[in-house]
Amino acid sequence: MPITRKREDARILNLVSTLSNKNTAGALAKRLAVGTMVLGAATLGYAAGIERRHWTLRTAEVPVLAPGSRPIRILHISDLHMLPSHQSKQRWVAALDKLDPHLVVNTGDNLSHHQAVPSVLRALGPLLDRPGMFIFGSNDYYAPKPKNPARYLMPRGRKKRIHGVQLPWRDLRAAFVEHGWVDLTHVRRTMKVAGQQVFAAGVDDPHLRRDRYDDISGPADSAAVLRLGLSHSPEPRVLDAFATDGYDLVLAGHTHGGQLRLPGYGALVTNCELDRSRARGVSRWGARMWLNVSAGLGTSPYAPVRFACPPEASLLTLVARDQ
C-alpha cells in the first residue's frame, strides 16, 4: 500500500476517534446536566414540600440554675411566621402543652399575615394558660414582602430593609397579656416559676434597631435562681450586655437555624451578626452565660423552604450548675 494511502487512512481513523470522543463527552455532559437538574428539582421539592413541615422538638439540659435549685422546664417557641392556612403547625404547637413546661417563652416573629392573630392564638391556646413571657420581632410589626432570595445570602451591610404593611401586633400583645403572659419588651421582672424566683428582662428587636438595652441595664437580681434574658435577634452587642449584667441564659430566635444548611458545613448565613456555629441550639457565650437560639417553626411565605434544618421548638431542662 502506498505511503500516502496509509497516511490518509491514519488521518481518517484519528478523525473518527476524535469525533467519537467528542460525541461521548457531549453525551456525558448532557447526562450530567440532566442529572443535576433532576437532583436540584428533587432537593427543592423536598425542602419546600416535606422538610418545612417536619415539626421537630429539640431538647437540651442546661446547667444554669443556682446550686441546689430544682429543675425548671422551659418551652421556647420562636418564629412561627403564621398564616391562617397553617393548620398542621397550629395542631402541633398546641400539642406541646402535653410536655408540661413550667414556663413558656416566645421570642417573636409570630405573624406573616394581617389575619393570622386568631391562628397564633389557636396554636398557643393551651400554652397561654401556663406562665409565659414574650418579646416581638420584625414580623410581628411588619408583613413580609417578596424579595430576591439571593438577598438572604448577601452580606448584611449591603442589604436594604424592605418592610411590608403593618401587622396587628397590638391585638396579639393584648391577647397574650390578657392570658397572663408578661411582655418583657424593655422590662425587668421577677416572677415565680415552679415555686422558684426567676428574674427576666428583654429588649425589642435588635434586627430593626429597636433595642434600648439602657432601659434595662444594671446587675441582674443575684437572689434569683435564674437570670433570663430575651432578644429576638441574637446580636452580639446585646448578648454582651446581658453577659456583663450577670444573666445566666439568653433565649433568641430570628436565624431560622440558617434555614438552609449543608451537612458538614452548617448554616450558610445567620441573617445577623452572630457567627454561623451558633445559628441554632445551645452554646456558651463568654465565661458564664449560655445562649439558646431556636431555629424557629416557620419561614417567610416568599421563601418557603428548609434544608437540613427542620422547623423546631425547644424544650430546655434547666438544672443547677456546679458550685
Protein backbone atom coordinates (compact mmCIF):
# COMPACT_ATOMS: atom_id res chain seq x y z
CA MET A 1 0.00 0.00 0.00
CA PRO A 2 1.45 3.40 -0.91
CA ILE A 3 2.69 5.52 1.96
CA THR A 4 0.28 8.34 1.09
CA ARG A 5 -2.67 5.92 1.36
CA LYS A 6 -1.50 4.76 4.80
CA ARG A 7 -1.24 8.33 5.98
CA GLU A 8 -4.73 9.12 4.67
CA ASP A 9 -6.17 6.05 6.43
CA ALA A 10 -4.47 7.08 9.70
CA ARG A 11 -5.86 10.62 9.36
CA ILE A 12 -9.37 9.27 8.84
CA LEU A 13 -9.05 6.94 11.84
CA ASN A 14 -7.83 9.81 14.02
CA LEU A 15 -10.71 11.97 12.82
CA VAL A 16 -13.24 9.23 13.57
CA SER A 17 -11.71 8.71 17.03
CA THR A 18 -11.81 12.45 17.78
CA LEU A 19 -15.44 12.74 16.69
CA SER A 20 -16.32 9.69 18.75
CA ASN A 21 -14.66 11.16 21.83
CA LYS A 22 -16.45 14.46 21.29
CA ASN A 23 -19.79 12.70 20.95
CA THR A 24 -19.11 10.68 24.10
CA ALA A 25 -18.10 13.80 26.04
CA GLY A 26 -21.15 15.67 24.77
CA ALA A 27 -23.47 12.86 25.77
CA LEU A 28 -21.84 12.68 29.21
CA ALA A 29 -22.20 16.44 29.66
CA LYS A 30 -25.86 16.24 28.71
CA ARG A 31 -26.44 13.39 31.14
CA LEU A 32 -24.69 15.33 33.93
CA ALA A 33 -26.76 18.42 33.17
CA VAL A 34 -30.00 16.44 33.20
CA GLY A 35 -28.94 14.68 36.43
CA THR A 36 -28.11 17.98 38.07
CA MET A 37 -31.49 19.41 37.07
CA VAL A 38 -33.32 16.36 38.40
CA LEU A 39 -31.35 16.42 41.66
CA GLY A 40 -31.98 20.14 42.03
CA ALA A 41 -35.70 19.72 41.42
CA ALA A 42 -35.87 16.83 43.90
CA THR A 43 -33.97 18.84 46.54
CA LEU A 44 -36.25 21.84 46.07
CA GLY A 45 -39.32 19.62 46.25
CA TYR A 46 -38.08 18.08 49.50
CA ALA A 47 -37.12 21.43 51.02
CA ALA A 48 -40.41 23.09 50.10
CA GLY A 49 -42.83 20.20 50.40
CA ILE A 50 -41.51 17.94 53.18
CA GLU A 51 -38.86 19.37 55.49
CA ARG A 52 -40.53 22.72 56.15
CA ARG A 53 -43.47 20.77 57.68
CA HIS A 54 -41.28 18.30 59.56
CA TRP A 55 -42.11 19.73 63.02
CA THR A 56 -39.34 18.83 65.45
CA LEU A 57 -38.77 19.12 69.19
CA ARG A 58 -35.18 19.91 70.18
CA THR A 59 -34.31 19.04 73.79
CA ALA A 60 -31.34 20.09 75.89
CA GLU A 61 -30.24 20.17 79.52
CA VAL A 62 -28.57 23.42 80.54
CA PRO A 63 -26.72 23.88 83.89
CA VAL A 64 -27.67 27.49 84.65
CA LEU A 65 -29.65 27.45 87.91
CA ALA A 66 -28.24 28.41 91.28
CA PRO A 67 -26.69 25.47 93.18
CA GLY A 68 -29.33 23.44 94.99
CA SER A 69 -32.21 24.60 92.75
CA ARG A 70 -34.87 22.25 91.43
CA PRO A 71 -35.04 21.75 87.64
CA ILE A 72 -37.14 24.13 85.55
CA ARG A 73 -38.56 23.15 82.16
CA ILE A 74 -38.80 25.97 79.61
CA LEU A 75 -40.61 25.60 76.29
CA HIS A 76 -39.00 28.04 73.85
CA ILE A 77 -41.12 28.94 70.81
CA SER A 78 -39.99 31.33 68.09
CA ASP A 79 -40.58 32.41 64.50
CA LEU A 80 -43.98 30.88 63.89
CA HIS A 81 -44.47 33.10 60.81
CA MET A 82 -48.09 32.04 60.91
CA LEU A 83 -50.53 32.12 58.02
CA PRO A 84 -54.22 31.29 58.52
CA SER A 85 -53.71 28.22 56.30
CA HIS A 86 -51.05 26.66 58.58
CA GLN A 87 -53.34 24.06 60.12
CA SER A 88 -50.80 21.31 60.86
CA LYS A 89 -48.45 23.80 62.52
CA GLN A 90 -51.27 25.02 64.77
CA ARG A 91 -52.15 21.48 65.83
CA TRP A 92 -48.53 20.53 66.51
CA VAL A 93 -47.80 23.62 68.61
CA ALA A 94 -50.99 23.18 70.64
CA ALA A 95 -49.95 19.58 71.40
CA LEU A 96 -46.73 20.84 73.02
CA ASP A 97 -48.80 21.57 76.11
CA LYS A 98 -48.51 17.84 76.89
CA LEU A 99 -44.82 18.43 77.67
CA ASP A 100 -45.99 20.16 80.88
CA PRO A 101 -43.46 23.03 80.80
CA HIS A 102 -43.09 25.26 83.85
CA LEU A 103 -42.61 28.32 81.64
CA VAL A 104 -43.32 29.21 78.00
CA VAL A 105 -41.05 31.76 76.30
CA ASN A 106 -41.96 33.27 72.93
CA THR A 107 -39.19 35.21 71.17
CA GLY A 108 -41.20 36.77 68.36
CA ASP A 109 -41.98 36.72 64.64
CA ASN A 110 -45.37 35.15 65.24
CA LEU A 111 -47.17 36.67 62.23
CA SER A 112 -46.88 36.59 58.46
CA HIS A 113 -50.39 37.85 57.61
CA HIS A 114 -52.70 40.55 58.90
CA GLN A 115 -55.39 37.92 59.63
CA ALA A 116 -53.08 35.48 61.44
CA VAL A 117 -53.65 36.59 65.05
CA PRO A 118 -56.52 34.09 65.62
CA SER A 119 -54.33 31.35 64.12
CA VAL A 120 -51.48 32.14 66.51
CA LEU A 121 -53.86 32.10 69.46
CA ARG A 122 -55.27 28.73 68.35
CA ALA A 123 -51.75 27.32 68.14
CA LEU A 124 -50.71 28.64 71.55
CA GLY A 125 -54.17 28.14 73.10
CA PRO A 126 -53.48 25.65 75.93
CA LEU A 127 -49.98 27.07 76.49
CA LEU A 128 -51.42 30.52 77.22
CA ASP A 129 -52.79 29.12 80.47
CA ARG A 130 -49.24 28.48 81.68
CA PRO A 131 -46.77 31.07 82.96
CA GLY A 132 -45.29 32.79 79.92
CA MET A 133 -43.27 35.73 78.69
CA PHE A 134 -42.66 37.23 75.27
CA ILE A 135 -41.00 39.82 73.09
CA PHE A 136 -41.68 40.67 69.44
CA GLY A 137 -39.68 40.51 66.22
CA SER A 138 -39.83 42.34 62.91
CA ASN A 139 -42.53 40.04 61.50
CA ASP A 140 -44.85 40.90 64.35
CA TYR A 141 -44.68 44.54 63.31
CA TYR A 142 -44.45 44.29 59.51
CA ALA A 143 -45.67 41.76 56.96
CA PRO A 144 -43.08 40.13 54.73
CA LYS A 145 -42.75 41.25 51.12
CA PRO A 146 -41.49 39.46 48.01
CA LYS A 147 -37.70 39.72 47.76
CA ASN A 148 -34.94 38.29 45.63
CA PRO A 149 -33.97 35.09 47.50
CA ALA A 150 -30.31 35.82 46.76
CA ARG A 151 -30.53 38.82 49.10
CA TYR A 152 -30.60 36.38 52.01
CA LEU A 153 -27.06 35.28 51.14
CA MET A 154 -25.69 38.80 50.76
CA PRO A 155 -23.54 40.40 53.47
CA ARG A 156 -25.80 42.11 55.95
CA GLY A 157 -24.26 45.54 55.42
CA ARG A 158 -25.32 45.55 51.75
CA LYS A 159 -28.97 44.81 52.43
CA LYS A 160 -31.69 47.43 52.33
CA ARG A 161 -34.54 46.59 54.68
CA ILE A 162 -37.87 46.18 52.91
CA HIS A 163 -40.95 46.33 55.14
CA GLY A 164 -44.46 45.30 54.26
CA VAL A 165 -47.67 46.67 55.69
CA GLN A 166 -48.04 46.98 59.45
CA LEU A 167 -49.40 43.92 61.23
CA PRO A 168 -51.85 43.88 64.18
CA TRP A 169 -49.17 43.32 66.81
CA ARG A 170 -51.14 45.34 69.37
CA ASP A 171 -54.00 42.85 69.13
CA LEU A 172 -51.60 39.97 69.62
CA ARG A 173 -49.93 41.68 72.57
CA ALA A 174 -53.31 42.39 74.18
CA ALA A 175 -54.31 38.73 73.87
CA PHE A 176 -51.03 37.50 75.36
CA VAL A 177 -51.23 39.93 78.28
CA GLU A 178 -54.90 39.12 78.88
CA HIS A 179 -53.92 35.48 79.37
CA GLY A 180 -51.26 36.46 81.89
CA TRP A 181 -48.12 36.34 79.76
CA VAL A 182 -45.55 39.02 80.60
CA ASP A 183 -44.40 41.45 77.91
CA LEU A 184 -40.67 41.80 78.59
CA THR A 185 -40.03 44.50 75.99
CA HIS A 186 -37.57 46.79 77.81
CA VAL A 187 -38.85 45.50 81.14
CA ARG A 188 -37.16 43.81 84.12
CA ARG A 189 -39.42 41.45 86.05
CA THR A 190 -39.24 38.91 88.86
CA MET A 191 -41.73 36.03 88.85
CA LYS A 192 -42.23 32.64 90.45
CA VAL A 193 -41.66 29.67 88.17
CA ALA A 194 -42.02 26.14 89.57
CA GLY A 195 -42.05 27.73 93.02
CA GLN A 196 -38.67 29.43 92.49
CA GLN A 197 -37.72 33.02 91.84
CA VAL A 198 -36.79 33.87 88.24
CA PHE A 199 -35.54 37.28 87.17
CA ALA A 200 -36.08 38.13 83.49
CA ALA A 201 -35.63 41.05 81.11
CA GLY A 202 -35.94 41.60 77.37
CA VAL A 203 -35.33 44.02 74.54
CA ASP A 204 -37.24 44.92 71.40
CA ASP A 205 -35.99 43.54 68.09
CA PRO A 206 -32.31 44.39 67.51
CA HIS A 207 -32.71 43.42 63.85
CA LEU A 208 -34.78 46.60 63.43
CA ARG A 209 -32.50 48.56 65.78
CA ARG A 210 -35.43 48.88 68.18
CA ASP A 211 -33.44 47.58 71.15
CA ARG A 212 -32.81 50.00 74.01
CA TYR A 213 -30.72 47.99 76.43
CA ASP A 214 -30.08 51.07 78.56
CA ASP A 215 -33.72 50.81 79.69
CA ILE A 216 -32.96 47.51 81.44
CA SER A 217 -29.25 47.82 82.16
CA GLY A 218 -27.83 47.07 85.57
CA PRO A 219 -26.87 43.94 87.50
CA ALA A 220 -29.42 41.13 87.37
CA ASP A 221 -31.01 40.06 90.65
CA SER A 222 -28.46 37.86 92.42
CA ALA A 223 -31.16 36.37 94.67
CA ALA A 224 -32.96 34.66 91.79
CA VAL A 225 -32.25 31.04 90.91
CA LEU A 226 -32.24 32.06 87.22
CA ARG A 227 -31.48 35.33 85.44
CA LEU A 228 -33.06 35.08 81.98
CA GLY A 229 -32.65 37.44 79.02
CA LEU A 230 -34.79 37.63 75.85
CA SER A 231 -33.90 39.06 72.44
CA HIS A 232 -35.48 38.20 69.11
CA SER A 233 -32.28 38.60 67.11
CA PRO A 234 -29.15 37.28 68.87
CA GLU A 235 -26.98 40.28 68.10
CA PRO A 236 -23.58 40.04 69.85
CA ARG A 237 -23.81 43.61 71.17
CA VAL A 238 -26.99 42.66 73.06
CA LEU A 239 -25.63 39.31 74.23
CA ASP A 240 -22.51 41.03 75.56
CA ALA A 241 -24.69 43.46 77.53
CA PHE A 242 -26.69 40.63 79.11
CA ALA A 243 -23.48 38.79 79.97
CA THR A 244 -21.96 41.89 81.56
CA ASP A 245 -25.03 42.29 83.79
CA GLY A 246 -24.78 38.73 85.07
CA TYR A 247 -27.51 36.87 83.19
CA ASP A 248 -27.36 33.08 83.16
CA LEU A 249 -29.22 32.35 79.92
CA VAL A 250 -30.46 34.28 76.88
CA LEU A 251 -33.15 32.95 74.53
CA ALA A 252 -33.39 34.18 70.95
CA GLY A 253 -34.67 33.22 67.51
CA HIS A 254 -34.58 35.03 64.16
CA THR A 255 -31.87 32.97 62.44
CA HIS A 256 -34.14 30.06 61.42
CA GLY A 257 -31.06 27.98 62.19
CA GLY A 258 -29.71 29.22 58.87
CA GLN A 259 -32.84 27.78 57.16
CA LEU A 260 -30.53 26.28 54.53
CA ARG A 261 -27.72 24.17 55.95
CA LEU A 262 -25.12 21.96 54.32
CA PRO A 263 -24.11 18.68 56.01
CA GLY A 264 -20.63 19.09 57.43
CA TYR A 265 -20.71 22.86 56.97
CA GLY A 266 -23.79 24.07 58.83
CA ALA A 267 -25.72 27.27 58.30
CA LEU A 268 -24.88 29.29 55.21
CA VAL A 269 -25.83 32.56 56.93
CA THR A 270 -27.46 33.73 60.18
CA ASN A 271 -29.11 36.95 58.92
CA CYS A 272 -27.46 38.82 61.82
CA GLU A 273 -24.00 39.38 63.28
CA LEU A 274 -23.99 36.04 65.13
CA ASP A 275 -21.43 33.53 63.85
CA ARG A 276 -22.70 30.55 61.87
CA SER A 277 -21.67 27.98 64.51
CA ARG A 278 -24.33 29.34 66.89
CA ALA A 279 -27.17 29.59 64.35
CA ARG A 280 -29.27 27.12 66.33
CA GLY A 281 -29.15 25.27 69.62
CA VAL A 282 -27.38 25.78 72.92
CA SER A 283 -23.91 27.28 73.21
CA ARG A 284 -21.76 29.17 75.70
CA TRP A 285 -21.45 32.93 75.49
CA GLY A 286 -18.44 34.11 77.41
CA ALA A 287 -17.25 32.55 80.63
CA ARG A 288 -20.60 32.18 82.37
CA MET A 289 -23.67 32.83 80.22
CA TRP A 290 -25.48 30.35 77.99
CA LEU A 291 -27.41 31.02 74.79
CA ASN A 292 -30.22 29.12 73.09
CA VAL A 293 -31.09 30.10 69.54
CA SER A 294 -34.27 28.50 68.24
CA ALA A 295 -34.33 27.51 64.58
CA GLY A 296 -37.98 28.52 64.65
CA LEU A 297 -41.12 26.96 63.27
CA GLY A 298 -41.71 28.90 60.08
CA THR A 299 -40.34 30.66 57.03
CA SER A 300 -41.25 33.69 55.01
CA PRO A 301 -44.20 32.83 52.73
CA TYR A 302 -42.00 34.05 49.86
CA ALA A 303 -39.15 31.64 50.68
CA PRO A 304 -40.98 28.54 51.99
CA VAL A 305 -38.03 26.15 52.02
CA ARG A 306 -35.83 24.49 54.62
CA PHE A 307 -32.94 22.13 54.02
CA ALA A 308 -31.08 20.14 56.70
CA CYS A 309 -32.78 22.42 59.21
CA PRO A 310 -36.30 21.28 60.16
CA PRO A 311 -38.67 23.67 61.95
CA GLU A 312 -38.39 23.30 65.70
CA ALA A 313 -39.43 24.23 69.21
CA SER A 314 -37.03 23.78 72.13
CA LEU A 315 -37.67 22.10 75.46
CA LEU A 316 -34.90 23.18 77.82
CA THR A 317 -34.46 21.44 81.14
CA LEU A 318 -32.58 23.89 83.33
CA VAL A 319 -30.61 22.28 86.15
CA ALA A 320 -28.33 23.54 88.93
CA ARG A 321 -24.80 24.45 87.93
CA ASP A 322 -21.81 23.23 89.87
CA GLN A 323 -20.67 25.15 92.91
